[in-house]
N, C-alpha and C. Protein backbone atom coordinates (compact mmCIF):
# COMPACT_ATOMS: atom_id res chain seq x y z
N MET A 1 114.80 -12.70 -88.33
CA MET A 1 113.99 -11.98 -89.28
C MET A 1 114.70 -11.91 -90.62
N GLN A 2 114.01 -12.20 -91.69
CA GLN A 2 114.58 -12.11 -93.02
C GLN A 2 114.65 -10.65 -93.44
N GLU A 3 115.53 -10.36 -94.41
CA GLU A 3 115.72 -8.99 -94.88
C GLU A 3 114.43 -8.38 -95.42
N THR A 4 113.57 -9.16 -96.05
CA THR A 4 112.38 -8.62 -96.70
C THR A 4 111.18 -8.53 -95.77
N GLU A 5 111.30 -9.08 -94.60
CA GLU A 5 110.19 -9.11 -93.66
C GLU A 5 109.92 -7.71 -93.11
N GLU A 6 108.64 -7.32 -93.10
CA GLU A 6 108.28 -6.00 -92.57
C GLU A 6 107.86 -6.12 -91.12
N GLU A 7 108.33 -5.15 -90.34
CA GLU A 7 107.95 -5.06 -88.94
C GLU A 7 106.55 -4.46 -88.84
N ARG A 8 105.96 -4.63 -87.68
CA ARG A 8 104.70 -3.95 -87.38
C ARG A 8 105.04 -2.87 -86.36
N PHE A 9 104.56 -1.66 -86.62
CA PHE A 9 104.90 -0.54 -85.76
C PHE A 9 103.66 0.05 -85.11
N ARG A 10 103.81 0.42 -83.85
CA ARG A 10 102.81 1.24 -83.18
C ARG A 10 103.40 2.64 -83.16
N PHE A 11 102.64 3.59 -83.59
CA PHE A 11 103.18 4.93 -83.63
C PHE A 11 102.28 5.89 -82.88
N LYS A 12 102.91 6.94 -82.38
CA LYS A 12 102.20 7.98 -81.64
C LYS A 12 102.47 9.32 -82.30
N ILE A 13 101.46 10.16 -82.27
CA ILE A 13 101.62 11.52 -82.77
C ILE A 13 102.13 12.37 -81.62
N LYS A 14 103.22 13.05 -81.85
CA LYS A 14 103.82 13.90 -80.82
C LYS A 14 103.56 15.36 -81.19
N GLU A 15 102.97 16.09 -80.27
CA GLU A 15 102.71 17.51 -80.49
C GLU A 15 104.01 18.31 -80.47
N HIS A 16 104.87 18.02 -79.51
CA HIS A 16 106.11 18.77 -79.36
C HIS A 16 107.28 17.80 -79.37
N LEU A 17 108.14 17.95 -80.36
CA LEU A 17 109.30 17.09 -80.48
C LEU A 17 110.40 17.59 -79.55
N SER A 18 110.90 16.70 -78.72
CA SER A 18 111.99 17.04 -77.80
C SER A 18 112.72 15.75 -77.46
N PRO A 19 113.91 15.87 -76.86
CA PRO A 19 114.59 14.64 -76.42
C PRO A 19 113.69 13.83 -75.47
N ARG A 20 113.00 14.52 -74.60
CA ARG A 20 112.14 13.82 -73.63
C ARG A 20 110.97 13.10 -74.32
N SER A 21 110.34 13.77 -75.30
CA SER A 21 109.18 13.15 -75.97
C SER A 21 109.56 11.91 -76.76
N LEU A 22 110.82 11.84 -77.19
CA LEU A 22 111.29 10.68 -77.96
C LEU A 22 112.14 9.74 -77.10
N SER A 23 112.32 10.10 -75.84
CA SER A 23 113.12 9.30 -74.90
C SER A 23 114.55 9.09 -75.39
N VAL A 24 115.17 10.19 -75.82
CA VAL A 24 116.58 10.16 -76.22
C VAL A 24 117.32 11.26 -75.46
N ARG A 25 118.63 11.13 -75.42
CA ARG A 25 119.45 12.13 -74.74
C ARG A 25 119.86 13.23 -75.70
N SER A 26 120.06 14.43 -75.17
CA SER A 26 120.65 15.52 -75.96
C SER A 26 122.01 15.06 -76.44
N GLY A 27 122.43 15.59 -77.58
CA GLY A 27 123.71 15.17 -78.15
C GLY A 27 123.60 13.92 -78.99
N ASN A 28 122.38 13.50 -79.30
CA ASN A 28 122.15 12.30 -80.09
C ASN A 28 122.59 12.50 -81.54
N THR A 29 122.59 11.41 -82.29
CA THR A 29 122.89 11.44 -83.72
C THR A 29 121.60 11.18 -84.47
N LEU A 30 121.24 12.10 -85.35
CA LEU A 30 120.04 11.98 -86.17
C LEU A 30 120.47 11.50 -87.55
N VAL A 31 119.93 10.36 -87.98
CA VAL A 31 120.29 9.77 -89.27
C VAL A 31 119.06 9.80 -90.17
N ALA A 32 119.18 10.51 -91.29
CA ALA A 32 118.08 10.58 -92.25
C ALA A 32 118.16 9.39 -93.20
N VAL A 33 117.06 8.66 -93.30
CA VAL A 33 117.00 7.49 -94.18
C VAL A 33 115.75 7.63 -95.04
N SER A 34 115.92 7.50 -96.35
CA SER A 34 114.78 7.63 -97.26
C SER A 34 114.59 6.42 -98.17
N ASP A 35 115.58 5.56 -98.22
CA ASP A 35 115.53 4.41 -99.13
C ASP A 35 115.90 3.15 -98.36
N PRO A 36 114.98 2.18 -98.29
CA PRO A 36 115.29 0.97 -97.53
C PRO A 36 116.41 0.14 -98.14
N ASP A 37 116.75 0.39 -99.38
CA ASP A 37 117.82 -0.35 -100.04
C ASP A 37 119.18 0.35 -99.91
N LYS A 38 119.19 1.54 -99.29
CA LYS A 38 120.43 2.30 -99.16
C LYS A 38 120.56 2.79 -97.72
N VAL A 39 121.01 1.89 -96.87
CA VAL A 39 121.14 2.21 -95.44
C VAL A 39 122.58 2.02 -94.94
N GLN A 40 123.55 2.04 -95.85
CA GLN A 40 124.94 1.87 -95.46
C GLN A 40 125.37 2.95 -94.47
N HIS A 41 124.88 4.17 -94.66
CA HIS A 41 125.26 5.26 -93.76
C HIS A 41 124.71 5.01 -92.35
N LEU A 42 123.51 4.46 -92.25
CA LEU A 42 122.95 4.10 -90.94
C LEU A 42 123.77 2.99 -90.30
N GLN A 43 124.11 1.98 -91.09
CA GLN A 43 124.91 0.88 -90.57
C GLN A 43 126.25 1.39 -90.05
N SER A 44 126.88 2.28 -90.78
CA SER A 44 128.17 2.84 -90.37
C SER A 44 128.04 3.59 -89.04
N VAL A 45 126.99 4.39 -88.90
CA VAL A 45 126.77 5.13 -87.65
C VAL A 45 126.56 4.16 -86.49
N LEU A 46 125.72 3.15 -86.70
CA LEU A 46 125.42 2.19 -85.63
C LEU A 46 126.66 1.39 -85.23
N GLU A 47 127.48 1.00 -86.22
CA GLU A 47 128.69 0.24 -85.91
C GLU A 47 129.63 1.02 -85.01
N LYS A 48 129.73 2.33 -85.22
CA LYS A 48 130.67 3.16 -84.47
C LYS A 48 130.06 3.74 -83.20
N ASN A 49 128.76 3.69 -83.06
CA ASN A 49 128.09 4.34 -81.93
C ASN A 49 128.19 3.52 -80.65
N ASP A 50 128.51 4.21 -79.57
CA ASP A 50 128.49 3.60 -78.24
C ASP A 50 127.18 4.01 -77.58
N PRO A 51 126.22 3.09 -77.43
CA PRO A 51 124.92 3.45 -76.88
C PRO A 51 124.96 3.99 -75.45
N LYS A 52 126.07 3.75 -74.75
CA LYS A 52 126.21 4.32 -73.40
C LYS A 52 126.50 5.82 -73.48
N GLN A 53 127.02 6.26 -74.62
CA GLN A 53 127.40 7.66 -74.79
C GLN A 53 126.38 8.49 -75.57
N SER A 54 125.75 7.86 -76.57
CA SER A 54 124.88 8.63 -77.48
C SER A 54 123.78 7.76 -78.05
N ASP A 55 122.63 8.37 -78.27
CA ASP A 55 121.49 7.69 -78.88
C ASP A 55 121.50 7.95 -80.39
N VAL A 56 120.87 7.04 -81.14
CA VAL A 56 120.72 7.19 -82.58
C VAL A 56 119.23 7.27 -82.88
N VAL A 57 118.87 8.30 -83.66
CA VAL A 57 117.48 8.50 -84.08
C VAL A 57 117.44 8.43 -85.60
N VAL A 58 116.55 7.61 -86.14
CA VAL A 58 116.34 7.55 -87.58
C VAL A 58 115.13 8.40 -87.91
N VAL A 59 115.31 9.32 -88.86
CA VAL A 59 114.20 10.16 -89.30
C VAL A 59 113.90 9.84 -90.76
N PHE A 60 112.62 9.67 -91.05
CA PHE A 60 112.13 9.48 -92.42
C PHE A 60 111.23 10.66 -92.74
N VAL A 61 111.56 11.40 -93.80
CA VAL A 61 110.72 12.51 -94.24
C VAL A 61 109.87 11.99 -95.38
N ASN A 62 108.55 12.04 -95.18
CA ASN A 62 107.63 11.54 -96.20
C ASN A 62 107.19 12.70 -97.10
N PRO A 63 107.74 12.78 -98.32
CA PRO A 63 107.42 13.90 -99.21
C PRO A 63 106.03 13.78 -99.85
N ASN A 64 105.37 12.64 -99.65
CA ASN A 64 104.05 12.44 -100.24
C ASN A 64 102.92 13.01 -99.39
N VAL A 65 103.27 13.56 -98.22
CA VAL A 65 102.28 14.11 -97.30
C VAL A 65 102.68 15.54 -96.97
N ASN A 66 101.73 16.46 -97.05
CA ASN A 66 102.02 17.86 -96.73
C ASN A 66 102.34 18.03 -95.26
N HIS A 67 103.20 18.99 -94.98
CA HIS A 67 103.63 19.27 -93.60
C HIS A 67 102.49 19.79 -92.74
N ASP A 68 101.51 20.42 -93.34
CA ASP A 68 100.43 21.06 -92.58
C ASP A 68 99.22 20.15 -92.36
N ILE A 69 99.42 18.85 -92.29
CA ILE A 69 98.31 17.94 -92.04
C ILE A 69 97.81 18.11 -90.60
N GLN A 70 96.63 17.63 -90.37
CA GLN A 70 96.08 17.63 -89.02
C GLN A 70 96.77 16.50 -88.25
N LYS A 71 96.78 16.59 -86.97
CA LYS A 71 97.47 15.58 -86.16
C LYS A 71 96.49 14.50 -85.71
N SER A 72 95.85 13.86 -86.67
CA SER A 72 94.89 12.80 -86.35
C SER A 72 95.51 11.43 -86.62
N LYS A 73 94.86 10.40 -86.13
CA LYS A 73 95.34 9.04 -86.32
C LYS A 73 95.35 8.68 -87.82
N GLU A 74 94.36 9.17 -88.56
CA GLU A 74 94.30 8.89 -90.00
C GLU A 74 95.48 9.54 -90.73
N ASP A 75 95.79 10.78 -90.34
CA ASP A 75 96.93 11.46 -90.96
C ASP A 75 98.24 10.77 -90.61
N ALA A 76 98.34 10.27 -89.39
CA ALA A 76 99.53 9.54 -88.99
C ALA A 76 99.70 8.31 -89.88
N GLY A 77 98.60 7.68 -90.24
CA GLY A 77 98.66 6.54 -91.15
C GLY A 77 99.17 6.92 -92.53
N GLN A 78 98.89 8.16 -92.96
CA GLN A 78 99.42 8.63 -94.24
C GLN A 78 100.93 8.83 -94.16
N VAL A 79 101.40 9.38 -93.05
CA VAL A 79 102.83 9.61 -92.88
C VAL A 79 103.56 8.27 -92.81
N MET A 80 102.99 7.32 -92.09
CA MET A 80 103.57 5.98 -91.98
C MET A 80 103.05 5.09 -93.10
N ASP A 81 103.36 5.47 -94.33
CA ASP A 81 102.91 4.69 -95.48
C ASP A 81 103.82 3.48 -95.69
N SER A 82 103.62 2.76 -96.77
CA SER A 82 104.39 1.54 -96.99
C SER A 82 105.89 1.82 -97.12
N ARG A 83 106.25 2.97 -97.70
CA ARG A 83 107.67 3.31 -97.83
C ARG A 83 108.29 3.53 -96.45
N ALA A 84 107.60 4.25 -95.57
CA ALA A 84 108.10 4.48 -94.21
C ALA A 84 108.26 3.15 -93.47
N ILE A 85 107.31 2.27 -93.63
CA ILE A 85 107.38 0.96 -92.97
C ILE A 85 108.57 0.16 -93.49
N GLN A 86 108.82 0.24 -94.80
CA GLN A 86 109.98 -0.45 -95.37
C GLN A 86 111.29 0.12 -94.82
N VAL A 87 111.37 1.45 -94.75
CA VAL A 87 112.58 2.11 -94.23
C VAL A 87 112.80 1.72 -92.78
N PHE A 88 111.75 1.81 -91.97
CA PHE A 88 111.89 1.50 -90.55
C PHE A 88 112.17 0.02 -90.32
N SER A 89 111.55 -0.84 -91.11
CA SER A 89 111.82 -2.28 -90.98
C SER A 89 113.29 -2.57 -91.26
N LYS A 90 113.82 -1.96 -92.30
CA LYS A 90 115.23 -2.16 -92.64
C LYS A 90 116.13 -1.59 -91.55
N ALA A 91 115.79 -0.41 -91.03
CA ALA A 91 116.59 0.21 -89.96
C ALA A 91 116.62 -0.68 -88.73
N VAL A 92 115.47 -1.21 -88.35
CA VAL A 92 115.38 -2.09 -87.18
C VAL A 92 116.19 -3.36 -87.43
N HIS A 93 116.10 -3.90 -88.63
CA HIS A 93 116.86 -5.11 -88.96
C HIS A 93 118.37 -4.87 -88.82
N VAL A 94 118.85 -3.75 -89.36
CA VAL A 94 120.29 -3.43 -89.27
C VAL A 94 120.70 -3.26 -87.81
N ALA A 95 119.89 -2.53 -87.04
CA ALA A 95 120.20 -2.30 -85.62
C ALA A 95 120.22 -3.61 -84.84
N GLU A 96 119.23 -4.47 -85.06
CA GLU A 96 119.17 -5.75 -84.34
C GLU A 96 120.36 -6.63 -84.69
N LYS A 97 120.75 -6.62 -85.95
CA LYS A 97 121.90 -7.41 -86.39
C LYS A 97 123.17 -6.98 -85.67
N LEU A 98 123.26 -5.67 -85.37
CA LEU A 98 124.43 -5.14 -84.68
C LEU A 98 124.26 -5.10 -83.17
N GLY A 99 123.08 -5.49 -82.70
CA GLY A 99 122.82 -5.46 -81.26
C GLY A 99 122.71 -4.05 -80.71
N LYS A 100 122.23 -3.12 -81.51
CA LYS A 100 122.13 -1.71 -81.11
C LYS A 100 120.67 -1.27 -81.05
N HIS A 101 120.45 -0.22 -80.28
CA HIS A 101 119.12 0.36 -80.14
C HIS A 101 119.04 1.62 -80.99
N LEU A 102 117.86 1.91 -81.51
CA LEU A 102 117.63 3.18 -82.18
C LEU A 102 116.19 3.61 -81.97
N SER A 103 115.94 4.89 -82.16
CA SER A 103 114.60 5.45 -82.09
C SER A 103 114.19 5.84 -83.50
N LEU A 104 112.89 5.80 -83.77
CA LEU A 104 112.38 6.06 -85.10
C LEU A 104 111.40 7.23 -85.07
N MET A 105 111.45 8.06 -86.11
CA MET A 105 110.46 9.12 -86.25
C MET A 105 110.23 9.40 -87.73
N ALA A 106 108.98 9.73 -88.05
CA ALA A 106 108.61 10.09 -89.41
C ALA A 106 107.96 11.47 -89.37
N VAL A 107 108.31 12.28 -90.35
CA VAL A 107 107.70 13.60 -90.46
C VAL A 107 107.21 13.82 -91.89
N PRO A 108 106.09 14.52 -92.02
CA PRO A 108 105.58 14.81 -93.35
C PRO A 108 106.18 16.10 -93.89
N GLY A 109 106.33 16.19 -95.19
CA GLY A 109 106.76 17.45 -95.77
C GLY A 109 107.58 17.30 -97.02
N LYS A 110 107.65 18.38 -97.76
CA LYS A 110 108.31 18.37 -99.06
C LYS A 110 109.68 19.07 -99.04
N ASP A 111 110.13 19.50 -97.88
CA ASP A 111 111.42 20.19 -97.76
C ASP A 111 112.30 19.38 -96.80
N PRO A 112 112.86 18.26 -97.27
CA PRO A 112 113.54 17.33 -96.35
C PRO A 112 114.68 17.94 -95.56
N TYR A 113 115.53 18.75 -96.18
CA TYR A 113 116.67 19.29 -95.44
C TYR A 113 116.20 20.17 -94.29
N ARG A 114 115.23 21.03 -94.54
CA ARG A 114 114.72 21.89 -93.48
C ARG A 114 114.10 21.06 -92.37
N LEU A 115 113.32 20.05 -92.73
CA LEU A 115 112.66 19.21 -91.73
C LEU A 115 113.66 18.39 -90.92
N ILE A 116 114.69 17.90 -91.56
CA ILE A 116 115.73 17.13 -90.86
C ILE A 116 116.46 18.04 -89.86
N LEU A 117 116.84 19.23 -90.31
CA LEU A 117 117.57 20.15 -89.43
C LEU A 117 116.68 20.69 -88.32
N GLU A 118 115.41 20.89 -88.62
CA GLU A 118 114.46 21.31 -87.59
C GLU A 118 114.32 20.23 -86.52
N ALA A 119 114.22 18.98 -86.96
CA ALA A 119 114.15 17.87 -86.01
C ALA A 119 115.42 17.80 -85.17
N ALA A 120 116.57 18.02 -85.81
CA ALA A 120 117.84 18.00 -85.08
C ALA A 120 117.86 19.08 -84.00
N GLN A 121 117.34 20.25 -84.32
CA GLN A 121 117.27 21.32 -83.33
C GLN A 121 116.37 20.94 -82.16
N HIS A 122 115.17 20.45 -82.47
CA HIS A 122 114.22 20.09 -81.42
C HIS A 122 114.74 18.95 -80.54
N LEU A 123 115.52 18.05 -81.13
CA LEU A 123 116.04 16.91 -80.38
C LEU A 123 117.40 17.20 -79.74
N ASN A 124 117.91 18.40 -79.93
CA ASN A 124 119.25 18.77 -79.43
C ASN A 124 120.31 17.80 -79.96
N SER A 125 120.19 17.44 -81.22
CA SER A 125 121.16 16.53 -81.84
C SER A 125 122.48 17.26 -82.04
N SER A 126 123.58 16.58 -81.82
CA SER A 126 124.89 17.19 -82.06
C SER A 126 125.39 16.83 -83.45
N ARG A 127 124.76 15.83 -84.05
CA ARG A 127 125.25 15.31 -85.32
C ARG A 127 124.07 14.88 -86.19
N VAL A 128 124.15 15.22 -87.48
CA VAL A 128 123.16 14.81 -88.47
C VAL A 128 123.92 14.05 -89.56
N VAL A 129 123.43 12.87 -89.90
CA VAL A 129 124.09 12.05 -90.92
C VAL A 129 123.09 11.78 -92.04
N LEU A 130 123.53 12.04 -93.26
CA LEU A 130 122.71 11.81 -94.44
C LEU A 130 123.50 10.98 -95.44
N ARG A 131 122.79 10.44 -96.39
CA ARG A 131 123.40 9.70 -97.49
C ARG A 131 123.69 10.68 -98.63
N LYS A 132 124.75 10.45 -99.35
CA LYS A 132 125.07 11.27 -100.53
C LYS A 132 123.92 11.16 -101.51
N SER A 133 123.43 12.31 -101.95
CA SER A 133 122.32 12.36 -102.90
C SER A 133 122.77 11.83 -104.26
N SER A 134 121.91 11.08 -104.91
CA SER A 134 122.22 10.61 -106.26
C SER A 134 121.86 11.68 -107.29
N ARG A 135 121.15 12.73 -106.85
CA ARG A 135 120.71 13.78 -107.77
C ARG A 135 121.50 15.08 -107.68
N ALA A 136 122.36 15.21 -106.68
CA ALA A 136 123.09 16.46 -106.50
C ALA A 136 124.52 16.18 -106.07
N SER A 137 125.42 17.10 -106.42
CA SER A 137 126.81 16.97 -105.99
C SER A 137 126.89 17.23 -104.48
N LEU A 138 128.01 16.85 -103.89
CA LEU A 138 128.21 17.12 -102.47
C LEU A 138 128.12 18.61 -102.18
N GLU A 139 128.70 19.43 -103.05
CA GLU A 139 128.67 20.88 -102.83
C GLU A 139 127.24 21.42 -102.90
N LYS A 140 126.45 20.95 -103.85
CA LYS A 140 125.04 21.38 -103.94
C LYS A 140 124.28 20.93 -102.70
N GLN A 141 124.56 19.74 -102.24
CA GLN A 141 123.90 19.22 -101.05
C GLN A 141 124.29 20.06 -99.83
N ARG A 142 125.57 20.40 -99.71
CA ARG A 142 126.03 21.26 -98.61
C ARG A 142 125.37 22.62 -98.67
N GLN A 143 125.28 23.20 -99.87
CA GLN A 143 124.65 24.51 -100.02
C GLN A 143 123.17 24.46 -99.63
N ALA A 144 122.48 23.41 -100.04
CA ALA A 144 121.05 23.29 -99.71
C ALA A 144 120.86 23.13 -98.20
N LEU A 145 121.72 22.35 -97.57
CA LEU A 145 121.64 22.19 -96.11
C LEU A 145 121.97 23.50 -95.39
N SER A 146 122.97 24.21 -95.85
CA SER A 146 123.34 25.49 -95.24
C SER A 146 122.21 26.51 -95.39
N ARG A 147 121.58 26.55 -96.55
CA ARG A 147 120.45 27.46 -96.79
C ARG A 147 119.29 27.10 -95.87
N ALA A 148 118.99 25.81 -95.76
CA ALA A 148 117.90 25.37 -94.88
C ALA A 148 118.19 25.75 -93.43
N TRP A 149 119.44 25.63 -93.01
CA TRP A 149 119.84 25.99 -91.64
C TRP A 149 119.62 27.49 -91.39
N ARG A 150 120.06 28.31 -92.36
CA ARG A 150 119.91 29.77 -92.21
C ARG A 150 118.45 30.19 -92.15
N GLU A 151 117.58 29.43 -92.80
CA GLU A 151 116.15 29.78 -92.83
C GLU A 151 115.40 29.34 -91.58
N LEU A 152 116.02 28.53 -90.74
CA LEU A 152 115.36 28.14 -89.50
C LEU A 152 115.27 29.35 -88.58
N PRO A 153 114.18 29.45 -87.83
CA PRO A 153 113.97 30.64 -87.00
C PRO A 153 114.98 30.84 -85.89
N GLU A 154 115.51 29.79 -85.32
CA GLU A 154 116.46 29.93 -84.23
C GLU A 154 117.54 28.87 -84.31
N HIS A 155 118.72 29.22 -83.87
CA HIS A 155 119.84 28.30 -83.86
C HIS A 155 120.35 28.19 -82.44
N GLN A 156 119.94 27.13 -81.77
CA GLN A 156 120.30 26.98 -80.36
C GLN A 156 121.71 26.44 -80.17
N ALA A 157 122.16 25.61 -81.06
CA ALA A 157 123.48 25.00 -80.89
C ALA A 157 124.06 24.65 -82.26
N GLU A 158 125.34 24.41 -82.25
CA GLU A 158 126.04 23.99 -83.46
C GLU A 158 125.71 22.53 -83.75
N VAL A 159 125.64 22.21 -85.04
CA VAL A 159 125.35 20.83 -85.46
C VAL A 159 126.40 20.41 -86.47
N SER A 160 126.93 19.22 -86.29
CA SER A 160 127.86 18.64 -87.24
C SER A 160 127.05 17.85 -88.26
N VAL A 161 127.30 18.09 -89.54
CA VAL A 161 126.58 17.38 -90.61
C VAL A 161 127.59 16.51 -91.36
N GLU A 162 127.22 15.26 -91.53
CA GLU A 162 128.06 14.33 -92.28
C GLU A 162 127.25 13.75 -93.43
N ILE A 163 127.85 13.75 -94.60
CA ILE A 163 127.22 13.14 -95.78
C ILE A 163 128.09 11.95 -96.14
N LEU A 164 127.49 10.77 -96.03
CA LEU A 164 128.26 9.54 -96.26
C LEU A 164 127.89 8.95 -97.63
N PRO A 165 128.88 8.47 -98.34
CA PRO A 165 128.64 7.86 -99.66
C PRO A 165 128.09 6.44 -99.53
N ASP A 166 127.52 5.98 -100.63
CA ASP A 166 127.04 4.60 -100.67
C ASP A 166 128.18 3.62 -100.90
N ARG A 167 129.21 4.08 -101.58
CA ARG A 167 130.34 3.20 -101.92
C ARG A 167 131.50 3.44 -100.97
N ILE A 168 132.17 2.38 -100.62
CA ILE A 168 133.28 2.44 -99.67
C ILE A 168 134.43 3.30 -100.19
N LYS A 169 134.69 3.30 -101.49
CA LYS A 169 135.85 4.00 -102.04
C LYS A 169 135.68 5.52 -102.06
N GLN A 170 134.46 6.01 -101.83
CA GLN A 170 134.24 7.45 -101.82
C GLN A 170 134.49 8.00 -100.41
N SER A 171 134.84 9.27 -100.33
CA SER A 171 135.14 9.90 -99.05
C SER A 171 133.89 10.46 -98.39
N ASP A 172 133.93 10.48 -97.05
CA ASP A 172 132.89 11.15 -96.28
C ASP A 172 133.06 12.65 -96.45
N PHE A 173 132.00 13.39 -96.24
CA PHE A 173 132.04 14.84 -96.34
C PHE A 173 131.36 15.39 -95.11
N SER A 174 132.03 16.25 -94.36
CA SER A 174 131.40 16.78 -93.16
C SER A 174 131.66 18.28 -93.04
N PHE A 175 130.73 18.96 -92.35
CA PHE A 175 130.86 20.39 -92.09
C PHE A 175 130.00 20.72 -90.89
N ARG A 176 130.20 21.92 -90.35
CA ARG A 176 129.47 22.35 -89.17
C ARG A 176 128.50 23.46 -89.53
N LEU A 177 127.34 23.42 -88.91
CA LEU A 177 126.36 24.50 -89.05
C LEU A 177 126.27 25.18 -87.68
N ALA A 178 126.47 26.47 -87.67
CA ALA A 178 126.40 27.21 -86.39
C ALA A 178 125.51 28.43 -86.51
C-alpha cells in the first residue's frame, strides 16, 4: 500500500465503550491521533509495544461533530469524515509496516482531552499517549489534561499520560493522573 492510499473501513456504533466492546485487554495503550501527517508518536508506541502484553488503540476525536449526536448510521458517517479516514489509513499503514495490530475508534466532540481521558477510563487504559501540541506549551497541555481528568465523574484507576514530541531532539513528557 502506498502512503497516500486510503483504506476502506467498516465501522460500528457502540453504545457502551468497554475493553470487551472493542476487543482489547485492560491495561491497553490509548494513542490520540489527529493529524495523518504527524504520527511519529504512534509509530514510537507501536515500535516499543509487545502485542502479547498490551493492545494499542488509536482514538480520533472529530471536533467537527457535536458530542450529542444521535447514534444513527448517518451520524456515524459524519464522525468518520475524510479526515478520520486519512488518520486511520495512516495509522493502519504504520502498524502494517511494523507488523503490529491496533484497534481504531472515533468519537465526536469539541473537548478532545476530556473525550480522550473518558475513553481511557471506559477502556481501562493504563497509558494515554498524545502528540505535543503545536498551539500550547507542555505545561499548558498538562494543565488542560489534569483539569479534564478532575472534571470526569469517576476515577477508577490511575492513568499514565505521555506527551511525545514530533522531533527526535525534544524530550518526552510524562505524568500520572490519579
